[in-house]
Amino acid sequence: MNSRVLPFIFSTLLWLSLSSCDQLTEKAGKPQDAGKKSNAERPDHAVEIITVTRQSVRIKRTLTGTLEAPRTVHVHSEQSGRIIELPFYEGDAVKAAGVLVRLDDALLRAAFAKVVATRKQAGVDLTRLQNLVPRKLATEDELARASTALELAQAEESLQQILLSRAVIRAPFAAIVSERLKEPNDIVAINEHILTLFDPAVMTALVQVPEQLHSRVAVGDAVEVRIDSLGDRSFSARILRIHPVLNAQTRQGAVEIQLQSVPQGARPGQLCRVTLETAETLRRLIPLNALQFDTRGSFVYRLDADSKAMRVAVVTGLQMGESIEIIEGVNDGDKIVSRGFLGLKSGKTVRVVNPPASTSLHGGGWLQTPA
């Protein structure tokens, strides 16, 4: 072979070998470079946020209660004796001052007649002595004793008259009989329960109000009452009384409601539903889904200036539909995460994906609904 050809062939083979090595090295380096590029271009944790604001809202709650008759009277005997008249039964209507109970008063009348006679005699004796004293036929001392005797007789007559009047018991107001515990000819002692009456024209309901609402209602506030047994009609009422002490276990306080006009068919003991609505107040609200929980309590993720989601413990108040009140933990204007919690940890950098127009709460959006 020609000596000039051999160097040429050797050079060609050497070039091909070097080219193959460069291609293998280049192929081997491509996955590493691609991985670095993918990691560099990987986006931050995507979340949606809302801006905390205060909103003017009314709180509306429907609470269950029981109708009551506040003007209820337990009729007791004020005198012992035998019942000779007891005309009314449960459910009967009685008129004001109508006779409810009459006791046998024969002995009382006899005692009254005796004291009347004594009083008359004392009056005659006093008149006689008054005529004798100027003539020196009676002393001033005798006249004084006669005057005292008349006063005592008059007092005894008044006492017996009161006892006699107590043999008849009259209705203190127009009412309905709810209990009849005795029958005619029964012997009753003093202060024995005979009848129970209630005024059907006055009805109230007692409801237990949560502490967050208890301080935000006032006497005279208008409410609505629905009585289950009377259908779906609502009746107007007002807050009559607010009990000042809350139950330490339930954190609820009693509020009395009075119906403006008692509907036909309303009776004590019926189940009713009272709808309370407070005056407008400013409250810091967030969507319920923005609130998170763990073993340390409730919290939210708040974004800092570096777009890092930081865990912030919060104290919650009333829940109103799909929103909840925040009492402590966040301030107006804070941006908190409302979606994108999967894999989110405190201190993690996030990327906001919702448009600016939807990052703040707008009044009335998902506010109060009856609880």
Protein backbone atom coordinates (compact mmCIF):
# COMPACT_ATOMS: atom_id res chain seq x y z
CA MET A 1 0.00 0.00 0.00
CA ASN A 2 1.16 3.46 -0.74
CA SER A 3 2.87 5.12 2.20
CA ARG A 4 0.81 8.27 1.64
CA VAL A 5 -2.51 6.41 1.95
CA LEU A 6 -1.86 4.90 5.41
CA PRO A 7 -1.54 8.22 7.28
CA PHE A 8 -4.76 9.40 5.64
CA ILE A 9 -6.75 6.31 6.73
CA PHE A 10 -5.41 6.56 10.31
CA SER A 11 -6.37 10.21 10.58
CA THR A 12 -9.88 9.51 9.30
CA LEU A 13 -10.47 6.72 11.86
CA LEU A 14 -9.18 8.88 14.69
CA TRP A 15 -11.57 11.71 13.76
CA LEU A 16 -14.58 9.36 13.60
CA SER A 17 -13.72 7.93 17.05
CA LEU A 18 -13.49 11.36 18.63
CA SER A 19 -16.77 12.44 17.06
CA SER A 20 -18.56 9.38 18.48
CA CYS A 21 -17.27 10.14 21.99
CA ASP A 22 -18.47 13.74 21.77
CA GLN A 23 -21.94 12.59 20.70
CA LEU A 24 -22.17 10.08 23.59
CA THR A 25 -21.05 12.67 26.10
CA GLU A 26 -23.58 15.13 24.73
CA LYS A 27 -26.40 12.57 24.93
CA ALA A 28 -25.44 11.58 28.45
CA GLY A 29 -25.51 15.21 29.59
CA LYS A 30 -28.91 16.07 28.14
CA PRO A 31 -31.14 14.47 30.88
CA GLN A 32 -29.20 16.25 33.63
CA ASP A 33 -29.50 19.62 31.92
CA ALA A 34 -33.21 19.07 31.17
CA GLY A 35 -33.91 18.20 34.82
CA LYS A 36 -32.21 21.35 36.03
CA LYS A 37 -34.21 23.39 33.59
CA SER A 38 -37.50 21.76 34.70
CA ASN A 39 -36.75 22.42 38.37
CA ALA A 40 -35.90 26.02 37.66
CA GLU A 41 -39.13 26.59 35.74
CA ARG A 42 -41.42 24.73 38.25
CA PRO A 43 -44.13 27.22 39.54
CA ASP A 44 -44.72 28.09 43.23
CA HIS A 45 -47.70 26.63 45.17
CA ALA A 46 -50.86 28.07 43.54
CA VAL A 47 -53.53 29.46 45.88
CA GLU A 48 -56.57 31.71 45.85
CA ILE A 49 -56.80 34.48 48.44
CA ILE A 50 -59.28 36.96 49.86
CA THR A 51 -58.70 40.32 51.51
CA VAL A 52 -60.09 40.65 55.02
CA THR A 53 -62.63 43.49 55.38
CA ARG A 54 -65.33 44.52 57.81
CA GLN A 55 -68.90 44.29 56.60
CA SER A 56 -72.14 45.75 57.88
CA VAL A 57 -74.44 42.81 58.53
CA ARG A 58 -77.57 41.86 60.38
CA ILE A 59 -77.57 38.59 62.27
CA LYS A 60 -80.72 36.55 61.91
CA ARG A 61 -81.30 33.48 64.05
CA THR A 62 -84.30 31.21 64.55
CA LEU A 63 -84.49 29.69 68.04
CA THR A 64 -86.98 27.26 69.52
CA GLY A 65 -89.00 28.09 72.62
CA THR A 66 -92.18 27.23 74.49
CA LEU A 67 -95.28 29.36 74.85
CA GLU A 68 -96.03 30.38 78.41
CA ALA A 69 -98.86 32.23 80.15
CA PRO A 70 -97.15 34.72 82.48
CA ARG A 71 -100.43 35.75 84.11
CA THR A 72 -101.10 32.43 85.82
CA VAL A 73 -102.81 32.27 89.22
CA HIS A 74 -102.96 29.37 91.65
CA VAL A 75 -106.18 29.78 93.56
CA HIS A 76 -105.74 28.80 97.24
CA SER A 77 -108.21 28.81 100.07
CA GLU A 78 -107.75 31.64 102.55
CA GLN A 79 -110.20 30.09 104.96
CA SER A 80 -110.86 26.53 106.05
CA GLY A 81 -114.23 24.98 105.39
CA ARG A 82 -116.37 22.78 103.16
CA ILE A 83 -116.70 23.61 99.46
CA ILE A 84 -120.36 24.16 98.55
CA GLU A 85 -119.87 25.70 95.12
CA LEU A 86 -117.18 24.99 92.48
CA PRO A 87 -118.78 25.59 89.08
CA PHE A 88 -115.81 25.66 86.67
CA TYR A 89 -113.80 22.87 85.05
CA GLU A 90 -110.60 22.72 82.98
CA GLY A 91 -110.97 24.75 79.80
CA ASP A 92 -113.87 26.87 81.08
CA ALA A 93 -113.63 30.62 80.62
CA VAL A 94 -114.38 32.75 83.66
CA LYS A 95 -115.15 36.46 83.83
CA ALA A 96 -113.30 38.94 85.97
CA ALA A 97 -114.74 38.95 89.53
CA GLY A 98 -116.78 35.84 88.80
CA VAL A 99 -117.31 33.42 91.71
CA LEU A 100 -114.83 30.54 91.49
CA VAL A 101 -115.25 28.90 94.89
CA ARG A 102 -117.77 29.28 97.70
CA LEU A 103 -117.19 27.75 101.13
CA ASP A 104 -119.75 26.95 103.79
CA ASP A 105 -119.85 30.19 105.83
CA ALA A 106 -122.56 29.42 108.42
CA LEU A 107 -120.15 29.56 111.35
CA LEU A 108 -118.51 32.68 110.01
CA ARG A 109 -121.86 34.42 109.66
CA ALA A 110 -122.78 33.51 113.21
CA ALA A 111 -119.48 34.86 114.51
CA PHE A 112 -119.98 38.02 112.49
CA ALA A 113 -123.49 38.55 113.88
CA LYS A 114 -122.12 38.18 117.40
CA VAL A 115 -119.44 40.84 116.93
CA VAL A 116 -121.96 43.18 115.30
CA ALA A 117 -124.17 42.90 118.38
CA THR A 118 -121.18 43.52 120.65
CA ARG A 119 -120.25 46.59 118.65
CA LYS A 120 -123.80 47.96 118.88
CA GLN A 121 -123.89 47.45 122.67
CA ALA A 122 -120.52 49.18 123.02
CA GLY A 123 -121.90 52.13 121.10
CA VAL A 124 -124.97 52.35 123.37
CA ASP A 125 -122.79 52.18 126.50
CA LEU A 126 -120.55 54.94 125.25
CA THR A 127 -123.49 57.20 124.41
CA ARG A 128 -125.02 56.66 127.88
CA LEU A 129 -121.77 57.53 129.66
CA GLN A 130 -121.29 60.60 127.52
CA ASN A 131 -124.65 61.86 128.83
CA LEU A 132 -123.81 61.03 132.45
CA VAL A 133 -120.34 62.61 132.68
CA PRO A 134 -121.57 66.26 132.44
CA ARG A 135 -124.00 65.54 135.28
CA LYS A 136 -121.20 64.04 137.40
CA LEU A 137 -122.96 60.65 137.39
CA ALA A 138 -120.03 58.93 135.65
CA THR A 139 -116.31 59.45 135.72
CA GLU A 140 -113.98 60.31 132.87
CA ASP A 141 -112.25 56.96 133.43
CA GLU A 142 -115.46 55.03 132.78
CA LEU A 143 -116.03 57.10 129.67
CA ALA A 144 -112.52 56.27 128.36
CA ARG A 145 -113.01 52.54 128.98
CA ALA A 146 -116.34 52.62 127.12
CA SER A 147 -114.70 54.38 124.17
CA THR A 148 -111.96 51.76 124.05
CA ALA A 149 -114.52 48.95 124.23
CA LEU A 150 -116.29 50.39 121.20
CA GLU A 151 -113.06 50.60 119.21
CA LEU A 152 -112.25 46.98 120.04
CA ALA A 153 -115.73 45.88 118.99
CA GLN A 154 -115.40 47.74 115.71
CA ALA A 155 -112.01 46.10 115.03
CA GLU A 156 -113.43 42.65 115.80
CA GLU A 157 -116.32 43.34 113.44
CA SER A 158 -113.87 44.30 110.65
CA LEU A 159 -111.87 41.12 111.24
CA GLN A 160 -114.92 38.88 111.10
CA GLN A 161 -116.12 40.66 107.98
CA ILE A 162 -112.79 39.95 106.26
CA LEU A 163 -112.92 36.27 107.27
CA LEU A 164 -116.48 36.04 105.99
CA SER A 165 -115.51 37.58 102.64
CA ARG A 166 -112.78 34.97 102.23
CA ALA A 167 -115.36 32.23 102.11
CA VAL A 168 -116.03 33.37 98.53
CA ILE A 169 -113.15 33.34 96.03
CA ARG A 170 -113.52 35.44 92.88
CA ALA A 171 -111.52 35.53 89.63
CA PRO A 172 -108.89 38.30 89.63
CA PHE A 173 -109.20 38.73 85.83
CA ALA A 174 -110.86 37.15 82.81
CA ALA A 175 -109.18 33.76 82.53
CA ILE A 176 -109.32 30.11 81.55
CA VAL A 177 -109.26 27.29 84.10
CA SER A 178 -106.25 25.01 83.55
CA GLU A 179 -106.47 22.90 86.74
CA ARG A 180 -109.30 21.79 89.05
CA LEU A 181 -107.93 19.98 92.08
CA LYS A 182 -110.97 19.82 94.39
CA GLU A 183 -114.65 18.91 94.19
CA PRO A 184 -117.78 20.17 95.98
CA ASN A 185 -118.14 18.91 99.58
CA ASP A 186 -114.35 18.54 99.91
CA ILE A 187 -113.01 19.97 103.17
CA VAL A 188 -110.13 22.35 102.58
CA ALA A 189 -107.68 23.81 105.03
CA ILE A 190 -106.20 27.28 104.90
CA ASN A 191 -103.86 27.81 101.90
CA GLU A 192 -104.92 24.68 100.01
CA HIS A 193 -104.66 24.65 96.20
CA ILE A 194 -108.07 24.47 94.51
CA LEU A 195 -107.84 25.86 90.96
CA THR A 196 -105.29 27.23 88.46
CA LEU A 197 -106.16 30.02 86.02
CA PHE A 198 -104.29 31.72 83.19
CA ASP A 199 -104.95 34.82 81.14
CA PRO A 200 -105.28 33.76 77.46
CA ALA A 201 -104.75 37.32 76.24
CA VAL A 202 -101.09 37.40 77.30
CA MET A 203 -98.59 34.88 75.88
CA THR A 204 -94.81 34.86 76.07
CA ALA A 205 -92.04 32.56 74.93
CA LEU A 206 -88.71 31.90 76.61
CA VAL A 207 -85.75 31.26 74.29
CA GLN A 208 -82.08 30.61 75.03
CA VAL A 209 -79.92 33.05 73.06
CA PRO A 210 -76.18 32.44 72.40
CA GLU A 211 -73.84 34.84 74.15
CA GLN A 212 -72.73 36.45 70.86
CA LEU A 213 -76.33 37.58 70.25
CA HIS A 214 -77.41 38.13 73.84
CA SER A 215 -75.68 41.49 74.14
CA ARG A 216 -76.87 42.67 70.73
CA VAL A 217 -80.63 42.52 71.34
CA ALA A 218 -82.65 45.01 73.35
CA VAL A 219 -85.99 45.20 75.10
CA GLY A 220 -88.62 46.27 72.59
CA ASP A 221 -86.90 44.79 69.51
CA ALA A 222 -89.38 43.36 67.02
CA VAL A 223 -89.26 39.59 66.41
CA GLU A 224 -91.32 37.02 64.55
CA VAL A 225 -92.90 33.94 66.12
CA ARG A 226 -94.15 30.84 64.35
CA ILE A 227 -96.21 28.31 66.30
CA ASP A 228 -95.81 24.83 64.82
CA SER A 229 -99.30 23.63 65.66
CA LEU A 230 -100.86 26.67 63.96
CA GLY A 231 -99.13 26.18 60.59
CA ASP A 232 -96.55 28.31 58.82
CA ARG A 233 -98.02 31.69 59.72
CA SER A 234 -95.75 34.18 61.49
CA PHE A 235 -96.93 36.43 64.30
CA SER A 236 -95.42 39.71 65.42
CA ALA A 237 -93.88 39.93 68.87
CA ARG A 238 -91.41 42.01 70.87
CA ILE A 239 -88.66 41.32 73.37
CA LEU A 240 -90.23 41.74 76.79
CA ARG A 241 -87.33 40.98 79.11
CA ILE A 242 -83.65 40.00 78.87
CA HIS A 243 -82.28 37.92 81.73
CA PRO A 244 -78.90 39.37 82.73
CA VAL A 245 -77.08 36.14 83.73
CA LEU A 246 -75.86 33.56 81.19
CA ASN A 247 -75.56 29.84 81.84
CA ALA A 248 -71.88 29.09 82.45
CA GLN A 249 -72.13 25.64 80.83
CA THR A 250 -74.13 26.47 77.68
CA ARG A 251 -73.03 30.13 77.31
CA GLN A 252 -76.64 31.07 76.64
CA GLY A 253 -78.97 33.59 78.23
CA ALA A 254 -82.75 33.62 78.53
CA VAL A 255 -84.79 36.15 76.57
CA GLU A 256 -88.56 36.54 77.00
CA ILE A 257 -90.69 37.31 73.96
CA GLN A 258 -94.27 38.63 74.16
CA LEU A 259 -96.78 38.17 71.35
CA GLN A 260 -98.37 41.43 70.25
CA SER A 261 -101.73 39.73 69.81
CA VAL A 262 -102.41 36.15 70.78
CA PRO A 263 -103.69 34.10 67.81
CA GLN A 264 -106.68 31.83 68.05
CA GLY A 265 -105.60 28.38 69.21
CA ALA A 266 -102.42 29.46 70.99
CA ARG A 267 -101.99 27.65 74.30
CA PRO A 268 -99.27 27.48 76.97
CA GLY A 269 -96.79 24.69 76.35
CA GLN A 270 -96.88 24.81 72.54
CA LEU A 271 -93.61 24.67 70.62
CA CYS A 272 -92.74 27.90 68.84
CA ARG A 273 -89.88 29.23 66.73
CA VAL A 274 -88.65 32.76 67.39
CA THR A 275 -86.70 34.63 64.70
CA LEU A 276 -84.39 37.30 66.08
CA GLU A 277 -82.66 39.90 63.93
CA THR A 278 -80.05 42.25 65.33
CA ALA A 279 -79.30 45.80 64.25
CA GLU A 280 -76.59 46.28 61.63
CA THR A 281 -73.07 45.97 62.98
CA LEU A 282 -69.60 45.90 61.39
CA ARG A 283 -68.04 42.45 61.55
CA ARG A 284 -64.81 40.98 60.23
CA LEU A 285 -65.89 37.98 58.15
CA ILE A 286 -64.05 35.38 56.07
CA PRO A 287 -65.31 32.44 54.01
CA LEU A 288 -65.84 29.36 56.12
CA ASN A 289 -63.59 27.30 53.83
CA ALA A 290 -60.65 29.63 54.61
CA LEU A 291 -60.65 28.49 58.24
CA GLN A 292 -58.40 25.53 59.04
CA PHE A 293 -58.05 23.33 62.11
CA ASP A 294 -55.34 21.26 63.72
CA THR A 295 -54.47 19.97 67.17
CA ARG A 296 -53.51 23.49 68.26
CA GLY A 297 -56.85 25.02 67.29
CA SER A 298 -58.28 27.08 64.45
CA PHE A 299 -56.02 29.08 62.11
CA VAL A 300 -55.69 30.70 58.69
CA TYR A 301 -52.81 31.11 56.25
CA ARG A 302 -51.90 34.79 55.89
CA LEU A 303 -49.63 36.01 53.10
CA ASP A 304 -46.65 38.12 54.11
CA ALA A 305 -44.77 40.66 51.97
CA ASP A 306 -42.68 37.85 50.39
CA SER A 307 -45.79 35.88 49.32
CA LYS A 308 -45.19 33.28 51.98
CA ALA A 309 -48.20 31.66 53.61
CA MET A 310 -47.83 31.92 57.37
CA ARG A 311 -49.98 30.04 59.89
CA VAL A 312 -51.92 32.48 62.10
CA ALA A 313 -54.07 31.34 65.04
CA VAL A 314 -57.50 33.00 65.15
CA VAL A 315 -60.44 33.32 67.54
CA THR A 316 -63.79 32.82 65.82
CA GLY A 317 -67.22 34.23 66.59
CA LEU A 318 -70.57 33.65 64.95
CA GLN A 319 -71.01 31.48 61.90
CA MET A 320 -73.35 33.05 59.34
CA GLY A 321 -74.16 30.78 56.43
CA GLU A 322 -70.95 30.20 54.46
CA SER A 323 -68.95 32.80 56.37
CA ILE A 324 -67.57 33.07 59.89
CA GLU A 325 -66.63 35.99 62.11
CA ILE A 326 -63.01 36.44 63.15
CA ILE A 327 -62.60 38.16 66.50
CA GLU A 328 -58.83 37.96 66.90
CA GLY A 329 -55.84 36.95 64.77
CA VAL A 330 -56.18 38.93 61.54
CA ASN A 331 -56.59 42.60 60.70
CA ASP A 332 -58.44 44.49 58.03
CA GLY A 333 -56.55 44.34 54.75
CA ASP A 334 -54.75 41.05 55.50
CA LYS A 335 -54.65 38.61 52.60
CA ILE A 336 -55.47 35.06 53.58
CA VAL A 337 -55.63 31.83 51.59
CA SER A 338 -59.11 30.66 50.68
CA ARG A 339 -58.20 27.74 48.36
CA GLY A 340 -55.20 25.59 47.60
CA PHE A 341 -54.49 24.04 50.99
CA LEU A 342 -53.31 20.64 49.73
CA GLY A 343 -49.62 20.41 50.55
CA LEU A 344 -49.54 23.96 51.94
CA LYS A 345 -47.30 24.53 54.95
CA SER A 346 -46.44 27.58 57.02
CA GLY A 347 -43.56 29.49 55.42
CA LYS A 348 -44.13 28.12 51.92
CA THR A 349 -43.97 30.57 49.03
CA VAL A 350 -47.21 30.67 47.08
CA ARG A 351 -48.46 32.13 43.83
CA VAL A 352 -51.86 33.86 43.72
CA VAL A 353 -53.95 32.66 40.81
CA ASN A 354 -57.29 34.44 41.32
CA PRO A 355 -57.81 37.79 39.56
CA PRO A 356 -57.60 40.97 41.68
CA ALA A 357 -61.33 41.67 41.29
CA SER A 358 -62.22 38.59 43.35
CA THR A 359 -59.65 38.88 46.13
CA SER A 360 -61.82 40.96 48.47
CA LEU A 361 -65.13 40.30 50.17
CA HIS A 362 -68.08 42.25 48.87
CA GLY A 363 -70.85 43.18 51.27
CA GLY A 364 -73.70 40.74 51.44
CA GLY A 365 -72.10 37.99 49.35
CA TRP A 366 -72.30 34.96 51.60
CA LEU A 367 -73.54 36.54 54.78
CA GLN A 368 -76.16 35.70 57.29
CA THR A 369 -78.75 33.00 56.96
CA PRO A 370 -80.96 31.68 59.75
CA ALA A 371 -79.05 29.11 61.81
